[in-house]
Amino acid sequence: MNKKFWHILWKVVGNKYFLGLVVFAVWIIFFDQNNLIDRNETRKRLYQLKQDTMFYRDKIREEKEKINQLQTSPANLEKFAREQYMMKAPDEDLFVILKKDKAK
């Protein structure tokens, strides 16, 4: 049984077509210009870039909505200036309250 197994295995491994197939597979996987390892990394990078594209498209859409709101309503423009840039009217006082970090 054991001798028969090794004899059959040697016939398969010693076959020139099998050896050619193994060499071709190793070449394609590791050494070719477009090898499978690089293609897999490129596919991962492409997926990440598509995710980034979707994220930035959503951000652009949100920012366009904000710009549209600021351009159409003076009340929204005043609210934005007060919240983001701490602007105030000439006759008011502005108090900024800072919270202490509990981690210190």
PDB file of N, CA and C in Angstrom:
ATOM      1  N   MET A   1       0.831  -1.190   0.000  1.00  0.00           N
ATOM      2  CA  MET A   1       0.000   0.000   0.000  1.00  0.00           C
ATOM      3  C   MET A   1       0.870   1.246   0.000  1.00  0.00           C
ATOM      4  N   ASN A   2       1.802   1.328   0.944  1.00  0.00           N
ATOM      5  CA  ASN A   2       2.638   2.505   1.064  1.00  0.00           C
ATOM      6  C   ASN A   2       3.525   2.674  -0.171  1.00  0.00           C
ATOM      7  N   LYS A   3       4.080   1.580  -0.676  1.00  0.00           N
ATOM      8  CA  LYS A   3       4.937   1.650  -1.861  1.00  0.00           C
ATOM      9  C   LYS A   3       4.118   2.057  -3.087  1.00  0.00           C
ATOM     10  N   LYS A   4       2.910   1.548  -3.178  1.00  0.00           N
ATOM     11  CA  LYS A   4       2.034   1.874  -4.303  1.00  0.00           C
ATOM     12  C   LYS A   4       1.678   3.373  -4.286  1.00  0.00           C
ATOM     13  N   PHE A   5       1.400   3.879  -3.097  1.00  0.00           N
ATOM     14  CA  PHE A   5       1.061   5.303  -2.955  1.00  0.00           C
ATOM     15  C   PHE A   5       2.213   6.190  -3.433  1.00  0.00           C
ATOM     16  N   TRP A   6       3.425   5.905  -2.975  1.00  0.00           N
ATOM     17  CA  TRP A   6       4.577   6.726  -3.367  1.00  0.00           C
ATOM     18  C   TRP A   6       4.874   6.599  -4.860  1.00  0.00           C
ATOM     19  N   HIS A   7       4.641   5.456  -5.419  1.00  0.00           N
ATOM     20  CA  HIS A   7       4.859   5.265  -6.851  1.00  0.00           C
ATOM     21  C   HIS A   7       3.877   6.119  -7.661  1.00  0.00           C
ATOM     22  N   ILE A   8       2.611   6.122  -7.257  1.00  0.00           N
ATOM     23  CA  ILE A   8       1.598   6.935  -7.949  1.00  0.00           C
ATOM     24  C   ILE A   8       1.891   8.420  -7.749  1.00  0.00           C
ATOM     25  N   LEU A   9       2.269   8.797  -6.535  1.00  0.00           N
ATOM     26  CA  LEU A   9       2.584  10.201  -6.258  1.00  0.00           C
ATOM     27  C   LEU A   9       3.776  10.660  -7.094  1.00  0.00           C
ATOM     28  N   TRP A  10       4.786   9.825  -7.226  1.00  0.00           N
ATOM     29  CA  TRP A  10       5.957  10.191  -8.022  1.00  0.00           C
ATOM     30  C   TRP A  10       5.600  10.347  -9.493  1.00  0.00           C
ATOM     31  N   LYS A  11       4.688   9.517  -9.987  1.00  0.00           N
ATOM     32  CA  LYS A  11       4.249   9.645 -11.383  1.00  0.00           C
ATOM     33  C   LYS A  11       3.550  10.985 -11.604  1.00  0.00           C
ATOM     34  N   VAL A  12       2.710  11.382 -10.660  1.00  0.00           N
ATOM     35  CA  VAL A  12       1.975  12.649 -10.797  1.00  0.00           C
ATOM     36  C   VAL A  12       2.931  13.830 -10.663  1.00  0.00           C
ATOM     37  N   VAL A  13       3.782  13.835  -9.650  1.00  0.00           N
ATOM     38  CA  VAL A  13       4.696  14.952  -9.406  1.00  0.00           C
ATOM     39  C   VAL A  13       5.763  15.015 -10.486  1.00  0.00           C
ATOM     40  N   GLY A  14       6.180  13.881 -10.994  1.00  0.00           N
ATOM     41  CA  GLY A  14       7.221  13.848 -12.013  1.00  0.00           C
ATOM     42  C   GLY A  14       6.715  14.162 -13.405  1.00  0.00           C
ATOM     43  N   ASN A  15       5.445  14.308 -13.572  1.00  0.00           N
ATOM     44  CA  ASN A  15       4.865  14.605 -14.872  1.00  0.00           C
ATOM     45  C   ASN A  15       5.261  16.017 -15.293  1.00  0.00           C
ATOM     46  N   LYS A  16       5.707  16.191 -16.540  1.00  0.00           N
ATOM     47  CA  LYS A  16       6.178  17.502 -17.001  1.00  0.00           C
ATOM     48  C   LYS A  16       5.053  18.536 -17.061  1.00  0.00           C
ATOM     49  N   TYR A  17       3.845  18.095 -17.329  1.00  0.00           N
ATOM     50  CA  TYR A  17       2.725  19.031 -17.376  1.00  0.00           C
ATOM     51  C   TYR A  17       2.359  19.517 -15.975  1.00  0.00           C
ATOM     52  N   PHE A  18       2.408  18.618 -15.017  1.00  0.00           N
ATOM     53  CA  PHE A  18       2.140  18.999 -13.627  1.00  0.00           C
ATOM     54  C   PHE A  18       3.209  19.969 -13.138  1.00  0.00           C
ATOM     55  N   LEU A  19       4.468  19.682 -13.431  1.00  0.00           N
ATOM     56  CA  LEU A  19       5.550  20.585 -13.026  1.00  0.00           C
ATOM     57  C   LEU A  19       5.404  21.949 -13.695  1.00  0.00           C
ATOM     58  N   GLY A  20       5.029  21.936 -14.955  1.00  0.00           N
ATOM     59  CA  GLY A  20       4.804  23.201 -15.659  1.00  0.00           C
ATOM     60  C   GLY A  20       3.676  24.002 -15.029  1.00  0.00           C
ATOM     61  N   LEU A  21       2.607  23.314 -14.645  1.00  0.00           N
ATOM     62  CA  LEU A  21       1.487  23.976 -13.994  1.00  0.00           C
ATOM     63  C   LEU A  21       1.895  24.558 -12.644  1.00  0.00           C
ATOM     64  N   VAL A  22       2.683  23.824 -11.876  1.00  0.00           N
ATOM     65  CA  VAL A  22       3.138  24.310 -10.573  1.00  0.00           C
ATOM     66  C   VAL A  22       4.035  25.528 -10.751  1.00  0.00           C
ATOM     67  N   VAL A  23       4.973  25.471 -11.692  1.00  0.00           N
ATOM     68  CA  VAL A  23       5.867  26.611 -11.942  1.00  0.00           C
ATOM     69  C   VAL A  23       5.047  27.819 -12.395  1.00  0.00           C
ATOM     70  N   PHE A  24       4.079  27.612 -13.268  1.00  0.00           N
ATOM     71  CA  PHE A  24       3.229  28.705 -13.742  1.00  0.00           C
ATOM     72  C   PHE A  24       2.447  29.325 -12.584  1.00  0.00           C
ATOM     73  N   ALA A  25       1.883  28.474 -11.721  1.00  0.00           N
ATOM     74  CA  ALA A  25       1.110  28.984 -10.591  1.00  0.00           C
ATOM     75  C   ALA A  25       1.995  29.784  -9.645  1.00  0.00           C
ATOM     76  N   VAL A  26       3.176  29.292  -9.345  1.00  0.00           N
ATOM     77  CA  VAL A  26       4.092  30.027  -8.468  1.00  0.00           C
ATOM     78  C   VAL A  26       4.482  31.349  -9.112  1.00  0.00           C
ATOM     79  N   TRP A  27       4.728  31.351 -10.396  1.00  0.00           N
ATOM     80  CA  TRP A  27       5.105  32.584 -11.100  1.00  0.00           C
ATOM     81  C   TRP A  27       3.974  33.614 -11.024  1.00  0.00           C
ATOM     82  N   ILE A  28       2.754  33.169 -11.287  1.00  0.00           N
ATOM     83  CA  ILE A  28       1.607  34.081 -11.276  1.00  0.00           C
ATOM     84  C   ILE A  28       1.356  34.621  -9.868  1.00  0.00           C
ATOM     85  N   ILE A  29       1.479  33.783  -8.862  1.00  0.00           N
ATOM     86  CA  ILE A  29       1.169  34.208  -7.498  1.00  0.00           C
ATOM     87  C   ILE A  29       2.217  35.160  -6.945  1.00  0.00           C
ATOM     88  N   PHE A  30       3.495  34.938  -7.223  1.00  0.00           N
ATOM     89  CA  PHE A  30       4.540  35.696  -6.547  1.00  0.00           C
ATOM     90  C   PHE A  30       5.362  36.634  -7.435  1.00  0.00           C
ATOM     91  N   PHE A  31       5.686  36.251  -8.655  1.00  0.00           N
ATOM     92  CA  PHE A  31       6.711  36.970  -9.406  1.00  0.00           C
ATOM     93  C   PHE A  31       6.204  37.817 -10.562  1.00  0.00           C
ATOM     94  N   ASP A  32       5.025  37.611 -11.034  1.00  0.00           N
ATOM     95  CA  ASP A  32       4.524  38.332 -12.193  1.00  0.00           C
ATOM     96  C   ASP A  32       4.312  39.805 -11.863  1.00  0.00           C
ATOM     97  N   GLN A  33       4.302  40.638 -12.902  1.00  0.00           N
ATOM     98  CA  GLN A  33       4.094  42.074 -12.695  1.00  0.00           C
ATOM     99  C   GLN A  33       2.729  42.338 -12.071  1.00  0.00           C
ATOM    100  N   ASN A  34       1.738  41.583 -12.451  1.00  0.00           N
ATOM    101  CA  ASN A  34       0.387  41.706 -11.894  1.00  0.00           C
ATOM    102  C   ASN A  34       0.083  40.505 -11.017  1.00  0.00           C
ATOM    103  N   ASN A  35       0.945  40.230 -10.051  1.00  0.00           N
ATOM    104  CA  ASN A  35       0.763  39.027  -9.241  1.00  0.00           C
ATOM    105  C   ASN A  35      -0.465  39.140  -8.340  1.00  0.00           C
ATOM    106  N   LEU A  36      -0.897  38.015  -7.844  1.00  0.00           N
ATOM    107  CA  LEU A  36      -2.146  37.961  -7.082  1.00  0.00           C
ATOM    108  C   LEU A  36      -2.054  38.703  -5.753  1.00  0.00           C
ATOM    109  N   ILE A  37      -0.901  38.728  -5.157  1.00  0.00           N
ATOM    110  CA  ILE A  37      -0.744  39.427  -3.879  1.00  0.00           C
ATOM    111  C   ILE A  37      -0.929  40.935  -4.084  1.00  0.00           C
ATOM    112  N   ASP A  38      -0.294  41.485  -5.112  1.00  0.00           N
ATOM    113  CA  ASP A  38      -0.456  42.917  -5.405  1.00  0.00           C
ATOM    114  C   ASP A  38      -1.883  43.241  -5.820  1.00  0.00           C
ATOM    115  N   ARG A  39      -2.506  42.352  -6.568  1.00  0.00           N
ATOM    116  CA  ARG A  39      -3.885  42.590  -6.993  1.00  0.00           C
ATOM    117  C   ARG A  39      -4.822  42.630  -5.793  1.00  0.00           C
ATOM    118  N   ASN A  40      -4.578  41.770  -4.813  1.00  0.00           N
ATOM    119  CA  ASN A  40      -5.407  41.764  -3.611  1.00  0.00           C
ATOM    120  C   ASN A  40      -5.229  43.064  -2.832  1.00  0.00           C
ATOM    121  N   GLU A  41      -3.996  43.528  -2.698  1.00  0.00           N
ATOM    122  CA  GLU A  41      -3.751  44.806  -2.006  1.00  0.00           C
ATOM    123  C   GLU A  41      -4.371  45.965  -2.775  1.00  0.00           C
ATOM    124  N   THR A  42      -4.300  45.917  -4.093  1.00  0.00           N
ATOM    125  CA  THR A  42      -4.903  46.968  -4.918  1.00  0.00           C
ATOM    126  C   THR A  42      -6.421  46.960  -4.772  1.00  0.00           C
ATOM    127  N   ARG A  43      -7.007  45.775  -4.690  1.00  0.00           N
ATOM    128  CA  ARG A  43      -8.454  45.671  -4.513  1.00  0.00           C
ATOM    129  C   ARG A  43      -8.873  46.261  -3.166  1.00  0.00           C
ATOM    130  N   LYS A  44      -8.094  46.003  -2.119  1.00  0.00           N
ATOM    131  CA  LYS A  44      -8.386  46.588  -0.814  1.00  0.00           C
ATOM    132  C   LYS A  44      -8.276  48.106  -0.856  1.00  0.00           C
ATOM    133  N   ARG A  45      -7.246  48.613  -1.533  1.00  0.00           N
ATOM    134  CA  ARG A  45      -7.055  50.060  -1.652  1.00  0.00           C
ATOM    135  C   ARG A  45      -8.205  50.690  -2.428  1.00  0.00           C
ATOM    136  N   LEU A  46      -8.654  50.019  -3.489  1.00  0.00           N
ATOM    137  CA  LEU A  46      -9.780  50.518  -4.274  1.00  0.00           C
ATOM    138  C   LEU A  46     -11.045  50.587  -3.429  1.00  0.00           C
ATOM    139  N   TYR A  47     -11.289  49.570  -2.610  1.00  0.00           N
ATOM    140  CA  TYR A  47     -12.450  49.574  -1.728  1.00  0.00           C
ATOM    141  C   TYR A  47     -12.371  50.750  -0.759  1.00  0.00           C
ATOM    142  N   GLN A  48     -11.186  50.986  -0.181  1.00  0.00           N
ATOM    143  CA  GLN A  48     -11.014  52.097   0.750  1.00  0.00           C
ATOM    144  C   GLN A  48     -11.243  53.436   0.044  1.00  0.00           C
ATOM    145  N   LEU A  49     -10.745  53.572  -1.178  1.00  0.00           N
ATOM    146  CA  LEU A  49     -10.939  54.819  -1.924  1.00  0.00           C
ATOM    147  C   LEU A  49     -12.418  55.038  -2.262  1.00  0.00           C
ATOM    148  N   LYS A  50     -13.135  53.970  -2.565  1.00  0.00           N
ATOM    149  CA  LYS A  50     -14.570  54.114  -2.825  1.00  0.00           C
ATOM    150  C   LYS A  50     -15.308  54.558  -1.563  1.00  0.00           C
ATOM    151  N   GLN A  51     -14.911  54.013  -0.413  1.00  0.00           N
ATOM    152  CA  GLN A  51     -15.508  54.435   0.850  1.00  0.00           C
ATOM    153  C   GLN A  51     -15.217  55.906   1.115  1.00  0.00           C
ATOM    154  N   ASP A  52     -13.975  56.326   0.865  1.00  0.00           N
ATOM    155  CA  ASP A  52     -13.607  57.732   1.053  1.00  0.00           C
ATOM    156  C   ASP A  52     -14.396  58.634   0.110  1.00  0.00           C
ATOM    157  N   THR A  53     -14.588  58.188  -1.129  1.00  0.00           N
ATOM    158  CA  THR A  53     -15.353  58.968  -2.094  1.00  0.00           C
ATOM    159  C   THR A  53     -16.782  59.170  -1.614  1.00  0.00           C
ATOM    160  N   MET A  54     -17.410  58.112  -1.117  1.00  0.00           N
ATOM    161  CA  MET A  54     -18.771  58.234  -0.607  1.00  0.00           C
ATOM    162  C   MET A  54     -18.818  59.185   0.589  1.00  0.00           C
ATOM    163  N   PHE A  55     -17.837  59.076   1.485  1.00  0.00           N
ATOM    164  CA  PHE A  55     -17.786  59.948   2.658  1.00  0.00           C
ATOM    165  C   PHE A  55     -17.680  61.411   2.241  1.00  0.00           C
ATOM    166  N   TYR A  56     -16.769  61.711   1.312  1.00  0.00           N
ATOM    167  CA  TYR A  56     -16.573  63.096   0.905  1.00  0.00           C
ATOM    168  C   TYR A  56     -17.740  63.626   0.086  1.00  0.00           C
ATOM    169  N   ARG A  57     -18.408  62.776  -0.678  1.00  0.00           N
ATOM    170  CA  ARG A  57     -19.609  63.222  -1.390  1.00  0.00           C
ATOM    171  C   ARG A  57     -20.699  63.625  -0.401  1.00  0.00           C
ATOM    172  N   ASP A  58     -20.850  62.842   0.649  1.00  0.00           N
ATOM    173  CA  ASP A  58     -21.837  63.190   1.674  1.00  0.00           C
ATOM    174  C   ASP A  58     -21.464  64.504   2.357  1.00  0.00           C
ATOM    175  N   LYS A  59     -20.178  64.678   2.656  1.00  0.00           N
ATOM    176  CA  LYS A  59     -19.724  65.927   3.285  1.00  0.00           C
ATOM    177  C   LYS A  59     -19.971  67.123   2.365  1.00  0.00           C
ATOM    178  N   ILE A  60     -19.686  66.959   1.086  1.00  0.00           N
ATOM    179  CA  ILE A  60     -19.906  68.052   0.124  1.00  0.00           C
ATOM    180  C   ILE A  60     -21.388  68.393   0.061  1.00  0.00           C
ATOM    181  N   ARG A  61     -22.254  67.367   0.040  1.00  0.00           N
ATOM    182  CA  ARG A  61     -23.692  67.620   0.004  1.00  0.00           C
ATOM    183  C   ARG A  61     -24.137  68.377   1.252  1.00  0.00           C
ATOM    184  N   GLU A  62     -23.638  67.971   2.425  1.00  0.00           N
ATOM    185  CA  GLU A  62     -23.996  68.669   3.660  1.00  0.00           C
ATOM    186  C   GLU A  62     -23.510  70.114   3.648  1.00  0.00           C
ATOM    187  N   GLU A  63     -22.302  70.335   3.184  1.00  0.00           N
ATOM    188  CA  GLU A  63     -21.759  71.698   3.147  1.00  0.00           C
ATOM    189  C   GLU A  63     -22.520  72.571   2.146  1.00  0.00           C
ATOM    190  N   LYS A  64     -22.933  72.002   1.026  1.00  0.00           N
ATOM    191  CA  LYS A  64     -23.740  72.767   0.071  1.00  0.00           C
ATOM    192  C   LYS A  64     -25.078  73.167   0.683  1.00  0.00           C
ATOM    193  N   GLU A  65     -25.669  72.260   1.466  1.00  0.00           N
ATOM    194  CA  GLU A  65     -26.922  72.596   2.142  1.00  0.00           C
ATOM    195  C   GLU A  65     -26.706  73.727   3.142  1.00  0.00           C
ATOM    196  N   LYS A  66     -25.596  73.680   3.887  1.00  0.00           N
ATOM    197  CA  LYS A  66     -25.293  74.758   4.834  1.00  0.00           C
ATOM    198  C   LYS A  66     -25.093  76.082   4.108  1.00  0.00           C
ATOM    199  N   ILE A  67     -24.360  76.057   3.006  1.00  0.00           N
ATOM    200  CA  ILE A  67     -24.129  77.284   2.240  1.00  0.00           C
ATOM    201  C   ILE A  67     -25.442  77.833   1.718  1.00  0.00           C
ATOM    202  N   ASN A  68     -26.294  76.960   1.232  1.00  0.00           N
ATOM    203  CA  ASN A  68     -27.591  77.400   0.721  1.00  0.00           C
ATOM    204  C   ASN A  68     -28.414  78.045   1.837  1.00  0.00           C
ATOM    205  N   GLN A  69     -28.401  77.442   3.025  1.00  0.00           N
ATOM    206  CA  GLN A  69     -29.139  78.016   4.149  1.00  0.00           C
ATOM    207  C   GLN A  69     -28.561  79.362   4.552  1.00  0.00           C
ATOM    208  N   LEU A  70     -27.243  79.494   4.536  1.00  0.00           N
ATOM    209  CA  LEU A  70     -26.624  80.764   4.920  1.00  0.00           C
ATOM    210  C   LEU A  70     -26.892  81.858   3.895  1.00  0.00           C
ATOM    211  N   GLN A  71     -26.971  81.486   2.630  1.00  0.00           N
ATOM    212  CA  GLN A  71     -27.192  82.491   1.593  1.00  0.00           C
ATOM    213  C   GLN A  71     -28.645  82.914   1.491  1.00  0.00           C
ATOM    214  N   THR A  72     -29.575  82.072   1.941  1.00  0.00           N
ATOM    215  CA  THR A  72     -30.995  82.405   1.773  1.00  0.00           C
ATOM    216  C   THR A  72     -31.618  83.066   2.994  1.00  0.00           C
ATOM    217  N   SER A  73     -31.023  82.912   4.166  1.00  0.00           N
ATOM    218  CA  SER A  73     -31.655  83.432   5.363  1.00  0.00           C
ATOM    219  C   SER A  73     -30.660  84.239   6.206  1.00  0.00           C
ATOM    220  N   PRO A  74     -30.926  85.534   6.417  1.00  0.00           N
ATOM    221  CA  PRO A  74     -30.049  86.339   7.272  1.00  0.00           C
ATOM    222  C   PRO A  74     -30.045  85.848   8.729  1.00  0.00           C
ATOM    223  N   ALA A  75     -31.144  85.272   9.179  1.00  0.00           N
ATOM    224  CA  ALA A  75     -31.200  84.756  10.548  1.00  0.00           C
ATOM    225  C   ALA A  75     -30.234  83.578  10.719  1.00  0.00           C
ATOM    226  N   ASN A  76     -30.191  82.715   9.730  1.00  0.00           N
ATOM    227  CA  ASN A  76     -29.258  81.589   9.779  1.00  0.00           C
ATOM    228  C   ASN A  76     -27.812  82.072   9.714  1.00  0.00           C
ATOM    229  N   LEU A  77     -27.568  83.107   8.923  1.00  0.00           N
ATOM    230  CA  LEU A  77     -26.218  83.660   8.814  1.00  0.00           C
ATOM    231  C   LEU A  77     -25.783  84.255  10.152  1.00  0.00           C
ATOM    232  N   GLU A  78     -26.669  84.962  10.804  1.00  0.00           N
ATOM    233  CA  GLU A  78     -26.345  85.536  12.110  1.00  0.00           C
ATOM    234  C   GLU A  78     -26.118  84.429  13.144  1.00  0.00           C
ATOM    235  N   LYS A  79     -26.950  83.404  13.135  1.00  0.00           N
ATOM    236  CA  LYS A  79     -26.798  82.279  14.058  1.00  0.00           C
ATOM    237  C   LYS A  79     -25.450  81.581  13.840  1.00  0.00           C
ATOM    238  N   PHE A  80     -25.088  81.376  12.586  1.00  0.00           N
ATOM    239  CA  PHE A  80     -23.818  80.730  12.265  1.00  0.00           C
ATOM    240  C   PHE A  80     -22.642  81.570  12.764  1.00  0.00           C
ATOM    241  N   ALA A  81     -22.686  82.875  12.524  1.00  0.00           N
ATOM    242  CA  ALA A  81     -21.600  83.756  12.954  1.00  0.00           C
ATOM    243  C   ALA A  81     -21.478  83.774  14.470  1.00  0.00           C
ATOM    244  N   ARG A  82     -22.591  83.781  15.166  1.00  0.00           N
ATOM    245  CA  ARG A  82     -22.552  83.790  16.626  1.00  0.00           C
ATOM    246  C   ARG A  82     -21.994  82.472  17.177  1.00  0.00           C
ATOM    247  N   GLU A  83     -22.401  81.345  16.593  1.00  0.00           N
ATOM    248  CA  GLU A  83     -21.976  80.046  17.118  1.00  0.00           C
ATOM    249  C   GLU A  83     -20.533  79.711  16.742  1.00  0.00           C
ATOM    250  N   GLN A  84     -20.169  79.936  15.509  1.00  0.00           N
ATOM    251  CA  GLN A  84     -18.858  79.494  15.028  1.00  0.00           C
ATOM    252  C   GLN A  84     -17.739  80.485  15.344  1.00  0.00           C
ATOM    253  N   TYR A  85     -18.008  81.759  15.210  1.00  0.00           N
ATOM    254  CA  TYR A  85     -16.961  82.768  15.361  1.00  0.00           C
ATOM    255  C   TYR A  85     -17.133  83.637  16.599  1.00  0.00           C
ATOM    256  N   MET A  86     -18.107  83.295  17.461  1.00  0.00           N
ATOM    257  CA  MET A  86     -18.373  84.010  18.703  1.00  0.00           C
ATOM    258  C   MET A  86     -18.528  85.516  18.484  1.00  0.00           C
ATOM    259  N   MET A  87     -19.237  85.876  17.441  1.00  0.00           N
ATOM    260  CA  MET A  87     -19.500  87.289  17.170  1.00  0.00           C
ATOM    261  C   MET A  87     -20.685  87.743  18.012  1.00  0.00           C
ATOM    262  N   LYS A  88     -20.732  89.043  18.236  1.00  0.00           N
ATOM    263  CA  LYS A  88     -21.794  89.584  19.057  1.00  0.00           C
ATOM    264  C   LYS A  88     -22.225  90.926  18.500  1.00  0.00           C
ATOM    265  N   ALA A  89     -23.398  91.321  18.910  1.00  0.00           N
ATOM    266  CA  ALA A  89     -23.897  92.640  18.530  1.00  0.00           C
ATOM    267  C   ALA A  89     -23.170  93.686  19.365  1.00  0.00           C
ATOM    268  N   PRO A  90     -23.109  94.950  18.917  1.00  0.00           N
ATOM    269  CA  PRO A  90     -22.357  95.978  19.653  1.00  0.00           C
ATOM    270  C   PRO A  90     -22.868  96.224  21.077  1.00  0.00           C
ATOM    271  N   ASP A  91     -24.136  95.978  21.340  1.00  0.00           N
ATOM    272  CA  ASP A  91     -24.675  96.292  22.658  1.00  0.00           C
ATOM    273  C   ASP A  91     -24.812  95.070  23.579  1.00  0.00           C
ATOM    274  N   GLU A  92     -24.171  93.930  23.249  1.00  0.00           N
ATOM    275  CA  GLU A  92     -24.266  92.764  24.106  1.00  0.00           C
ATOM    276  C   GLU A  92     -22.894  92.358  24.632  1.00  0.00           C
ATOM    277  N   ASP A  93     -22.929  91.573  25.682  1.00  0.00           N
ATOM    278  CA  ASP A  93     -21.707  91.006  26.250  1.00  0.00           C
ATOM    279  C   ASP A  93     -21.696  89.511  25.941  1.00  0.00           C
ATOM    280  N   LEU A  94     -20.495  88.995  25.727  1.00  0.00           N
ATOM    281  CA  LEU A  94     -20.340  87.585  25.379  1.00  0.00           C
ATOM    282  C   LEU A  94     -19.563  86.886  26.487  1.00  0.00           C
ATOM    283  N   PHE A  95     -20.118  85.829  27.014  1.00  0.00           N
ATOM    284  CA  PHE A  95     -19.456  85.039  28.044  1.00  0.00           C
ATOM    285  C   PHE A  95     -19.169  83.653  27.477  1.00  0.00           C
ATOM    286  N   VAL A  96     -17.902  83.241  27.554  1.00  0.00           N
ATOM    287  CA  VAL A  96     -17.501  81.919  27.099  1.00  0.00           C
ATOM    288  C   VAL A  96     -17.185  81.076  28.319  1.00  0.00           C
ATOM    289  N   ILE A  97     -17.858  79.957  28.468  1.00  0.00           N
ATOM    290  CA  ILE A  97     -17.667  79.075  29.605  1.00  0.00           C
ATOM    291  C   ILE A  97     -16.899  77.841  29.134  1.00  0.00           C
ATOM    292  N   LEU A  98     -15.747  77.622  29.728  1.00  0.00           N
ATOM    293  CA  LEU A  98     -14.934  76.464  29.380  1.00  0.00           C
ATOM    294  C   LEU A  98     -15.095  75.404  30.455  1.00  0.00           C
ATOM    295  N   LYS A  99     -15.237  74.173  30.044  1.00  0.00           N
ATOM    296  CA  LYS A  99     -15.358  73.065  30.996  1.00  0.00           C
ATOM    297  C   LYS A  99     -13.979  72.501  31.272  1.00  0.00           C
ATOM    298  N   LYS A 100     -13.705  72.168  32.523  1.00  0.00           N
ATOM    299  CA  LYS A 100     -12.413  71.582  32.868  1.00  0.00           C
ATOM    300  C   LYS A 100     -12.414  70.108  32.496  1.00  0.00           C
ATOM    301  N   ASP A 101     -11.263  69.622  32.045  1.00  0.00           N
ATOM    302  CA  ASP A 101     -11.125  68.216  31.725  1.00  0.00           C
ATOM    303  C   ASP A 101     -11.022  67.400  33.010  1.00  0.00           C
ATOM    304  N   LYS A 102     -11.758  66.331  33.099  1.00  0.00           N
ATOM    305  CA  LYS A 102     -11.716  65.482  34.278  1.00  0.00           C
ATOM    306  C   LYS A 102     -10.539  64.522  34.221  1.00  0.00           C
ATOM    307  N   ALA A 103      -9.904  64.388  33.062  1.00  0.00           N
ATOM    308  CA  ALA A 103      -8.815  63.429  32.890  1.00  0.00           C
ATOM    309  C   ALA A 103      -7.524  63.915  33.537  1.00  0.00           C
ATOM    310  N   LYS A 104      -7.388  65.193  33.807  1.00  0.00           N
ATOM    311  CA  LYS A 104      -6.141  65.727  34.370  1.00  0.00           C
ATOM    312  C   LYS A 104      -5.944  65.346  35.779  1.00  0.00           C
TER     313      LYS A 104
END
